[in-house]
Amino acid sequence: MTSTDRGDVVFMAPRVHGFPGGMCVACEDGDWADYPMPFAEWLYRFLIGEDMAGCKSAAFYPGPVRWECPPMAPGERSHVSQGPERGM
């Protein structure tokens, strides 16, 4: 499970429209969207600005991707990674 900077919650489902391991998105407005594709494809399409969190949800992200991993146990700290410039 992960979330977007807009409040959408993204998680893997056992099966989406016959595709094993598809993605489901609980949108901030209460709607649901599902995508029969692996996470890597969903993330790529989300970052290039396709509607990947419901209807009219597109948002283009031209800069580097920032990935934040929250702590997994008490006493741990969150870890933030940033990818390279994307040249877009």
PDB file of N, CA and C in Angstrom:
ATOM      1  N   MET A   1       0.844  -1.174   0.000  1.00  0.00           N
ATOM      2  CA  MET A   1       0.000   0.000   0.000  1.00  0.00           C
ATOM      3  C   MET A   1       0.888   1.235   0.000  1.00  0.00           C
ATOM      4  N   THR A   2       0.441   2.241  -0.719  1.00  0.00           N
ATOM      5  CA  THR A   2       1.135   3.526  -0.757  1.00  0.00           C
ATOM      6  C   THR A   2       0.078   4.613  -0.912  1.00  0.00           C
ATOM      7  N   SER A   3       0.495   5.845  -0.894  1.00  0.00           N
ATOM      8  CA  SER A   3      -0.443   6.948  -1.101  1.00  0.00           C
ATOM      9  C   SER A   3       0.204   8.010  -1.953  1.00  0.00           C
ATOM     10  N   THR A   4      -0.630   8.875  -2.502  1.00  0.00           N
ATOM     11  CA  THR A   4      -0.133   9.972  -3.322  1.00  0.00           C
ATOM     12  C   THR A   4      -0.095  11.248  -2.497  1.00  0.00           C
ATOM     13  N   ASP A   5       0.526  12.270  -3.050  1.00  0.00           N
ATOM     14  CA  ASP A   5       0.580  13.560  -2.358  1.00  0.00           C
ATOM     15  C   ASP A   5      -0.764  14.280  -2.388  1.00  0.00           C
ATOM     16  N   ARG A   6      -1.753  13.696  -3.045  1.00  0.00           N
ATOM     17  CA  ARG A   6      -3.090  14.284  -3.103  1.00  0.00           C
ATOM     18  C   ARG A   6      -4.095  13.548  -2.229  1.00  0.00           C
ATOM     19  N   GLY A   7      -3.626  12.555  -1.455  1.00  0.00           N
ATOM     20  CA  GLY A   7      -4.500  11.853  -0.533  1.00  0.00           C
ATOM     21  C   GLY A   7      -5.097  10.563  -1.056  1.00  0.00           C
ATOM     22  N   ASP A   8      -4.766  10.152  -2.269  1.00  0.00           N
ATOM     23  CA  ASP A   8      -5.256   8.885  -2.795  1.00  0.00           C
ATOM     24  C   ASP A   8      -4.462   7.746  -2.172  1.00  0.00           C
ATOM     25  N   VAL A   9      -5.134   6.629  -1.894  1.00  0.00           N
ATOM     26  CA  VAL A   9      -4.477   5.454  -1.332  1.00  0.00           C
ATOM     27  C   VAL A   9      -4.426   4.385  -2.422  1.00  0.00           C
ATOM     28  N   VAL A  10      -3.233   3.870  -2.688  1.00  0.00           N
ATOM     29  CA  VAL A  10      -3.015   2.914  -3.769  1.00  0.00           C
ATOM     30  C   VAL A  10      -2.622   1.572  -3.153  1.00  0.00           C
ATOM     31  N   PHE A  11      -3.289   0.513  -3.593  1.00  0.00           N
ATOM     32  CA  PHE A  11      -2.944  -0.808  -3.070  1.00  0.00           C
ATOM     33  C   PHE A  11      -3.129  -1.874  -4.134  1.00  0.00           C
ATOM     34  N   MET A  12      -2.463  -2.995  -3.925  1.00  0.00           N
ATOM     35  CA  MET A  12      -2.552  -4.107  -4.863  1.00  0.00           C
ATOM     36  C   MET A  12      -3.742  -4.983  -4.506  1.00  0.00           C
ATOM     37  N   ALA A  13      -4.460  -5.409  -5.525  1.00  0.00           N
ATOM     38  CA  ALA A  13      -5.594  -6.321  -5.346  1.00  0.00           C
ATOM     39  C   ALA A  13      -5.223  -7.686  -5.921  1.00  0.00           C
ATOM     40  N   PRO A  14      -5.785  -8.757  -5.380  1.00  0.00           N
ATOM     41  CA  PRO A  14      -5.445 -10.091  -5.884  1.00  0.00           C
ATOM     42  C   PRO A  14      -5.792 -10.271  -7.367  1.00  0.00           C
ATOM     43  N   ARG A  15      -6.861  -9.625  -7.817  1.00  0.00           N
ATOM     44  CA  ARG A  15      -7.267  -9.752  -9.215  1.00  0.00           C
ATOM     45  C   ARG A  15      -8.085  -8.522  -9.591  1.00  0.00           C
ATOM     46  N   VAL A  16      -7.747  -7.900 -10.725  1.00  0.00           N
ATOM     47  CA  VAL A  16      -8.485  -6.750 -11.238  1.00  0.00           C
ATOM     48  C   VAL A  16      -8.856  -7.050 -12.684  1.00  0.00           C
ATOM     49  N   HIS A  17     -10.138  -7.207 -12.948  1.00  0.00           N
ATOM     50  CA  HIS A  17     -10.637  -7.519 -14.297  1.00  0.00           C
ATOM     51  C   HIS A  17      -9.878  -8.692 -14.912  1.00  0.00           C
ATOM     52  N   GLY A  18      -9.627  -9.716 -14.111  1.00  0.00           N
ATOM     53  CA  GLY A  18      -8.934 -10.903 -14.589  1.00  0.00           C
ATOM     54  C   GLY A  18      -7.420 -10.822 -14.554  1.00  0.00           C
ATOM     55  N   PHE A  19      -6.864  -9.658 -14.253  1.00  0.00           N
ATOM     56  CA  PHE A  19      -5.410  -9.488 -14.192  1.00  0.00           C
ATOM     57  C   PHE A  19      -4.947  -9.763 -12.762  1.00  0.00           C
ATOM     58  N   PRO A  20      -4.035 -10.714 -12.573  1.00  0.00           N
ATOM     59  CA  PRO A  20      -3.561 -10.992 -11.211  1.00  0.00           C
ATOM     60  C   PRO A  20      -2.648  -9.876 -10.698  1.00  0.00           C
ATOM     61  N   GLY A  21      -2.908  -9.404  -9.502  1.00  0.00           N
ATOM     62  CA  GLY A  21      -2.058  -8.392  -8.893  1.00  0.00           C
ATOM     63  C   GLY A  21      -2.248  -7.001  -9.456  1.00  0.00           C
ATOM     64  N   GLY A  22      -3.466  -6.627  -9.844  1.00  0.00           N
ATOM     65  CA  GLY A  22      -3.725  -5.291 -10.366  1.00  0.00           C
ATOM     66  C   GLY A  22      -3.736  -4.243  -9.258  1.00  0.00           C
ATOM     67  N   MET A  23      -3.910  -3.004  -9.649  1.00  0.00           N
ATOM     68  CA  MET A  23      -3.869  -1.894  -8.701  1.00  0.00           C
ATOM     69  C   MET A  23      -5.265  -1.317  -8.484  1.00  0.00           C
ATOM     70  N   CYS A  24      -5.565  -0.958  -7.240  1.00  0.00           N
ATOM     71  CA  CYS A  24      -6.798  -0.260  -6.888  1.00  0.00           C
ATOM     72  C   CYS A  24      -6.409   1.056  -6.209  1.00  0.00           C
ATOM     73  N   VAL A  25      -7.215   2.071  -6.458  1.00  0.00           N
ATOM     74  CA  VAL A  25      -6.955   3.390  -5.884  1.00  0.00           C
ATOM     75  C   VAL A  25      -8.222   3.859  -5.174  1.00  0.00           C
ATOM     76  N   ALA A  26      -8.094   4.158  -3.895  1.00  0.00           N
ATOM     77  CA  ALA A  26      -9.174   4.780  -3.136  1.00  0.00           C
ATOM     78  C   ALA A  26      -8.936   6.284  -3.242  1.00  0.00           C
ATOM     79  N   CYS A  27      -9.756   6.932  -4.032  1.00  0.00           N
ATOM     80  CA  CYS A  27      -9.565   8.353  -4.327  1.00  0.00           C
ATOM     81  C   CYS A  27     -10.017   9.213  -3.153  1.00  0.00           C
ATOM     82  N   GLU A  28      -9.443  10.387  -3.058  1.00  0.00           N
ATOM     83  CA  GLU A  28      -9.732  11.287  -1.949  1.00  0.00           C
ATOM     84  C   GLU A  28     -11.210  11.668  -1.873  1.00  0.00           C
ATOM     85  N   ASP A  29     -11.887  11.706  -3.041  1.00  0.00           N
ATOM     86  CA  ASP A  29     -13.297  12.097  -3.052  1.00  0.00           C
ATOM     87  C   ASP A  29     -14.242  10.946  -2.704  1.00  0.00           C
ATOM     88  N   GLY A  30     -13.683   9.767  -2.343  1.00  0.00           N
ATOM     89  CA  GLY A  30     -14.502   8.635  -1.945  1.00  0.00           C
ATOM     90  C   GLY A  30     -14.733   7.620  -3.047  1.00  0.00           C
ATOM     91  N   ASP A  31     -14.386   7.933  -4.268  1.00  0.00           N
ATOM     92  CA  ASP A  31     -14.531   6.989  -5.378  1.00  0.00           C
ATOM     93  C   ASP A  31     -13.405   5.971  -5.371  1.00  0.00           C
ATOM     94  N   TRP A  32     -13.595   4.910  -6.159  1.00  0.00           N
ATOM     95  CA  TRP A  32     -12.580   3.878  -6.339  1.00  0.00           C
ATOM     96  C   TRP A  32     -12.236   3.799  -7.820  1.00  0.00           C
ATOM     97  N   ALA A  33     -11.008   3.465  -8.099  1.00  0.00           N
ATOM     98  CA  ALA A  33     -10.580   3.212  -9.477  1.00  0.00           C
ATOM     99  C   ALA A  33      -9.719   1.959  -9.448  1.00  0.00           C
ATOM    100  N   ASP A  34      -9.829   1.150 -10.487  1.00  0.00           N
ATOM    101  CA  ASP A  34      -9.000  -0.056 -10.539  1.00  0.00           C
ATOM    102  C   ASP A  34      -8.313  -0.151 -11.893  1.00  0.00           C
ATOM    103  N   TYR A  35      -7.112  -0.715 -11.870  1.00  0.00           N
ATOM    104  CA  TYR A  35      -6.266  -0.760 -13.057  1.00  0.00           C
ATOM    105  C   TYR A  35      -5.633  -2.137 -13.175  1.00  0.00           C
ATOM    106  N   PRO A  36      -5.928  -2.874 -14.268  1.00  0.00           N
ATOM    107  CA  PRO A  36      -5.366  -4.215 -14.453  1.00  0.00           C
ATOM    108  C   PRO A  36      -3.935  -4.147 -14.994  1.00  0.00           C
ATOM    109  N   MET A  37      -2.999  -3.803 -14.122  1.00  0.00           N
ATOM    110  CA  MET A  37      -1.589  -3.666 -14.510  1.00  0.00           C
ATOM    111  C   MET A  37      -0.714  -3.759 -13.275  1.00  0.00           C
ATOM    112  N   PRO A  38       0.573  -4.053 -13.447  1.00  0.00           N
ATOM    113  CA  PRO A  38       1.482  -4.078 -12.298  1.00  0.00           C
ATOM    114  C   PRO A  38       1.745  -2.667 -11.762  1.00  0.00           C
ATOM    115  N   PHE A  39       2.251  -2.586 -10.531  1.00  0.00           N
ATOM    116  CA  PHE A  39       2.505  -1.303  -9.890  1.00  0.00           C
ATOM    117  C   PHE A  39       3.458  -0.433 -10.695  1.00  0.00           C
ATOM    118  N   ALA A  40       4.513  -1.005 -11.246  1.00  0.00           N
ATOM    119  CA  ALA A  40       5.496  -0.208 -11.990  1.00  0.00           C
ATOM    120  C   ALA A  40       4.842   0.521 -13.162  1.00  0.00           C
ATOM    121  N   GLU A  41       3.959  -0.157 -13.876  1.00  0.00           N
ATOM    122  CA  GLU A  41       3.270   0.492 -14.989  1.00  0.00           C
ATOM    123  C   GLU A  41       2.320   1.564 -14.483  1.00  0.00           C
ATOM    124  N   TRP A  42       1.581   1.259 -13.397  1.00  0.00           N
ATOM    125  CA  TRP A  42       0.676   2.255 -12.832  1.00  0.00           C
ATOM    126  C   TRP A  42       1.446   3.505 -12.417  1.00  0.00           C
ATOM    127  N   LEU A  43       2.578   3.332 -11.718  1.00  0.00           N
ATOM    128  CA  LEU A  43       3.368   4.466 -11.250  1.00  0.00           C
ATOM    129  C   LEU A  43       3.900   5.287 -12.423  1.00  0.00           C
ATOM    130  N   TYR A  44       4.415   4.624 -13.438  1.00  0.00           N
ATOM    131  CA  TYR A  44       4.918   5.335 -14.626  1.00  0.00           C
ATOM    132  C   TYR A  44       3.812   6.189 -15.245  1.00  0.00           C
ATOM    133  N   ARG A  45       2.654   5.600 -15.444  1.00  0.00           N
ATOM    134  CA  ARG A  45       1.547   6.351 -16.048  1.00  0.00           C
ATOM    135  C   ARG A  45       1.084   7.496 -15.156  1.00  0.00           C
ATOM    136  N   PHE A  46       1.064   7.283 -13.833  1.00  0.00           N
ATOM    137  CA  PHE A  46       0.704   8.336 -12.889  1.00  0.00           C
ATOM    138  C   PHE A  46       1.669   9.511 -13.009  1.00  0.00           C
ATOM    139  N   LEU A  47       2.957   9.215 -13.075  1.00  0.00           N
ATOM    140  CA  LEU A  47       3.970  10.268 -13.101  1.00  0.00           C
ATOM    141  C   LEU A  47       4.023  11.039 -14.420  1.00  0.00           C
ATOM    142  N   ILE A  48       3.619  10.411 -15.524  1.00  0.00           N
ATOM    143  CA  ILE A  48       3.632  11.146 -16.797  1.00  0.00           C
ATOM    144  C   ILE A  48       2.339  11.903 -17.047  1.00  0.00           C
ATOM    145  N   GLY A  49       1.378  11.768 -16.116  1.00  0.00           N
ATOM    146  CA  GLY A  49       0.190  12.609 -16.194  1.00  0.00           C
ATOM    147  C   GLY A  49      -1.060  11.960 -16.742  1.00  0.00           C
ATOM    148  N   GLU A  50      -1.154  10.645 -16.725  1.00  0.00           N
ATOM    149  CA  GLU A  50      -2.391   9.994 -17.139  1.00  0.00           C
ATOM    150  C   GLU A  50      -3.371   9.962 -15.965  1.00  0.00           C
ATOM    151  N   ASP A  51      -4.646   9.745 -16.264  1.00  0.00           N
ATOM    152  CA  ASP A  51      -5.678   9.631 -15.231  1.00  0.00           C
ATOM    153  C   ASP A  51      -5.535   8.281 -14.537  1.00  0.00           C
ATOM    154  N   MET A  52      -4.752   8.226 -13.463  1.00  0.00           N
ATOM    155  CA  MET A  52      -4.476   6.962 -12.787  1.00  0.00           C
ATOM    156  C   MET A  52      -5.004   6.924 -11.358  1.00  0.00           C
ATOM    157  N   ALA A  53      -5.861   7.873 -11.008  1.00  0.00           N
ATOM    158  CA  ALA A  53      -6.507   7.872  -9.692  1.00  0.00           C
ATOM    159  C   ALA A  53      -7.963   8.291  -9.870  1.00  0.00           C
ATOM    160  N   GLY A  54      -8.589   7.765 -10.904  1.00  0.00           N
ATOM    161  CA  GLY A  54      -9.972   8.101 -11.182  1.00  0.00           C
ATOM    162  C   GLY A  54     -10.096   9.085 -12.330  1.00  0.00           C
ATOM    163  N   CYS A  55     -11.320   9.395 -12.674  1.00  0.00           N
ATOM    164  CA  CYS A  55     -11.625  10.294 -13.785  1.00  0.00           C
ATOM    165  C   CYS A  55     -11.098  11.709 -13.506  1.00  0.00           C
ATOM    166  N   LYS A  56     -10.461  12.293 -14.484  1.00  0.00           N
ATOM    167  CA  LYS A  56      -9.912  13.660 -14.397  1.00  0.00           C
ATOM    168  C   LYS A  56      -8.956  13.832 -13.225  1.00  0.00           C
ATOM    169  N   SER A  57      -8.094  12.834 -13.008  1.00  0.00           N
ATOM    170  CA  SER A  57      -7.143  12.886 -11.900  1.00  0.00           C
ATOM    171  C   SER A  57      -5.716  13.186 -12.352  1.00  0.00           C
ATOM    172  N   ALA A  58      -5.522  13.423 -13.634  1.00  0.00           N
ATOM    173  CA  ALA A  58      -4.180  13.603 -14.171  1.00  0.00           C
ATOM    174  C   ALA A  58      -3.455  14.790 -13.547  1.00  0.00           C
ATOM    175  N   ALA A  59      -2.185  14.580 -13.259  1.00  0.00           N
ATOM    176  CA  ALA A  59      -1.305  15.633 -12.761  1.00  0.00           C
ATOM    177  C   ALA A  59       0.108  15.274 -13.211  1.00  0.00           C
ATOM    178  N   PHE A  60       0.734  16.125 -13.971  1.00  0.00           N
ATOM    179  CA  PHE A  60       2.071  15.846 -14.494  1.00  0.00           C
ATOM    180  C   PHE A  60       3.125  16.213 -13.459  1.00  0.00           C
ATOM    181  N   TYR A  61       4.080  15.334 -13.242  1.00  0.00           N
ATOM    182  CA  TYR A  61       5.169  15.548 -12.295  1.00  0.00           C
ATOM    183  C   TYR A  61       6.485  15.613 -13.064  1.00  0.00           C
ATOM    184  N   PRO A  62       6.981  16.814 -13.397  1.00  0.00           N
ATOM    185  CA  PRO A  62       8.174  16.925 -14.232  1.00  0.00           C
ATOM    186  C   PRO A  62       9.491  16.688 -13.495  1.00  0.00           C
ATOM    187  N   GLY A  63       9.528  16.894 -12.218  1.00  0.00           N
ATOM    188  CA  GLY A  63      10.784  16.807 -11.470  1.00  0.00           C
ATOM    189  C   GLY A  63      11.115  15.402 -11.016  1.00  0.00           C
ATOM    190  N   PRO A  64      12.137  15.271 -10.200  1.00  0.00           N
ATOM    191  CA  PRO A  64      12.504  13.958  -9.690  1.00  0.00           C
ATOM    192  C   PRO A  64      11.433  13.409  -8.744  1.00  0.00           C
ATOM    193  N   VAL A  65      11.338  12.108  -8.690  1.00  0.00           N
ATOM    194  CA  VAL A  65      10.380  11.443  -7.808  1.00  0.00           C
ATOM    195  C   VAL A  65      10.944  11.427  -6.390  1.00  0.00           C
ATOM    196  N   ARG A  66      10.095  11.763  -5.428  1.00  0.00           N
ATOM    197  CA  ARG A  66      10.477  11.706  -4.013  1.00  0.00           C
ATOM    198  C   ARG A  66       9.679  10.578  -3.381  1.00  0.00           C
ATOM    199  N   TRP A  67      10.376   9.628  -2.798  1.00  0.00           N
ATOM    200  CA  TRP A  67       9.755   8.440  -2.219  1.00  0.00           C
ATOM    201  C   TRP A  67      10.032   8.432  -0.723  1.00  0.00           C
ATOM    202  N   GLU A  68       8.984   8.408   0.083  1.00  0.00           N
ATOM    203  CA  GLU A  68       9.157   8.404   1.531  1.00  0.00           C
ATOM    204  C   GLU A  68       8.660   7.080   2.112  1.00  0.00           C
ATOM    205  N   CYS A  69       9.526   6.390   2.821  1.00  0.00           N
ATOM    206  CA  CYS A  69       9.174   5.129   3.487  1.00  0.00           C
ATOM    207  C   CYS A  69       9.001   5.421   4.977  1.00  0.00           C
ATOM    208  N   PRO A  70       7.788   5.237   5.489  1.00  0.00           N
ATOM    209  CA  PRO A  70       7.567   5.499   6.914  1.00  0.00           C
ATOM    210  C   PRO A  70       8.246   4.446   7.782  1.00  0.00           C
ATOM    211  N   PRO A  71       8.423   4.734   9.058  1.00  0.00           N
ATOM    212  CA  PRO A  71       9.026   3.748   9.960  1.00  0.00           C
ATOM    213  C   PRO A  71       8.180   2.479  10.024  1.00  0.00           C
ATOM    214  N   MET A  72       8.835   1.347  10.132  1.00  0.00           N
ATOM    215  CA  MET A  72       8.134   0.064  10.188  1.00  0.00           C
ATOM    216  C   MET A  72       8.044  -0.487  11.609  1.00  0.00           C
ATOM    217  N   ALA A  73       8.795   0.083  12.538  1.00  0.00           N
ATOM    218  CA  ALA A  73       8.776  -0.380  13.921  1.00  0.00           C
ATOM    219  C   ALA A  73       9.038   0.811  14.843  1.00  0.00           C
ATOM    220  N   PRO A  74       8.625   0.706  16.092  1.00  0.00           N
ATOM    221  CA  PRO A  74       8.896   1.788  17.039  1.00  0.00           C
ATOM    222  C   PRO A  74      10.395   2.083  17.120  1.00  0.00           C
ATOM    223  N   GLY A  75      10.728   3.334  17.157  1.00  0.00           N
ATOM    224  CA  GLY A  75      12.127   3.743  17.253  1.00  0.00           C
ATOM    225  C   GLY A  75      12.814   3.932  15.912  1.00  0.00           C
ATOM    226  N   GLU A  76      12.233   3.442  14.841  1.00  0.00           N
ATOM    227  CA  GLU A  76      12.816   3.646  13.514  1.00  0.00           C
ATOM    228  C   GLU A  76      12.443   5.025  12.995  1.00  0.00           C
ATOM    229  N   ARG A  77      13.230   5.508  12.065  1.00  0.00           N
ATOM    230  CA  ARG A  77      12.963   6.802  11.445  1.00  0.00           C
ATOM    231  C   ARG A  77      12.495   6.580  10.014  1.00  0.00           C
ATOM    232  N   SER A  78      11.783   7.533   9.475  1.00  0.00           N
ATOM    233  CA  SER A  78      11.369   7.416   8.081  1.00  0.00           C
ATOM    234  C   SER A  78      12.584   7.633   7.187  1.00  0.00           C
ATOM    235  N   HIS A  79      12.501   7.097   5.992  1.00  0.00           N
ATOM    236  CA  HIS A  79      13.593   7.203   5.033  1.00  0.00           C
ATOM    237  C   HIS A  79      13.054   7.848   3.762  1.00  0.00           C
ATOM    238  N   VAL A  80      13.743   8.869   3.262  1.00  0.00           N
ATOM    239  CA  VAL A  80      13.327   9.564   2.060  1.00  0.00           C
ATOM    240  C   VAL A  80      14.386   9.360   0.979  1.00  0.00           C
ATOM    241  N   SER A  81      13.942   8.967  -0.204  1.00  0.00           N
ATOM    242  CA  SER A  81      14.821   8.818  -1.361  1.00  0.00           C
ATOM    243  C   SER A  81      14.325   9.748  -2.455  1.00  0.00           C
ATOM    244  N   GLN A  82      15.231  10.248  -3.250  1.00  0.00           N
ATOM    245  CA  GLN A  82      14.858  11.097  -4.374  1.00  0.00           C
ATOM    246  C   GLN A  82      15.556  10.612  -5.613  1.00  0.00           C
ATOM    247  N   GLY A  83      14.789  10.433  -6.668  1.00  0.00           N
ATOM    248  CA  GLY A  83      15.346   9.967  -7.923  1.00  0.00           C
ATOM    249  C   GLY A  83      16.028  11.076  -8.696  1.00  0.00           C
ATOM    250  N   PRO A  84      16.599  10.745  -9.846  1.00  0.00           N
ATOM    251  CA  PRO A  84      17.268  11.734 -10.672  1.00  0.00           C
ATOM    252  C   PRO A  84      16.274  12.637 -11.395  1.00  0.00           C
ATOM    253  N   GLU A  85      16.767  13.732 -11.916  1.00  0.00           N
ATOM    254  CA  GLU A  85      15.948  14.596 -12.770  1.00  0.00           C
ATOM    255  C   GLU A  85      15.427  13.748 -13.923  1.00  0.00           C
ATOM    256  N   ARG A  86      14.205  13.974 -14.322  1.00  0.00           N
ATOM    257  CA  ARG A  86      13.586  13.148 -15.335  1.00  0.00           C
ATOM    258  C   ARG A  86      13.699  13.723 -16.728  1.00  0.00           C
ATOM    259  N   GLY A  87      14.168  14.941 -16.872  1.00  0.00           N
ATOM    260  CA  GLY A  87      14.355  15.535 -18.194  1.00  0.00           C
ATOM    261  C   GLY A  87      13.073  15.743 -18.962  1.00  0.00           C
ATOM    262  N   MET A  88      11.975  16.016 -18.254  1.00  0.00           N
ATOM    263  CA  MET A  88      10.695  16.204 -18.928  1.00  0.00           C
ATOM    264  C   MET A  88      10.240  17.628 -18.811  1.00  0.00           C
TER     265      MET A  88
END
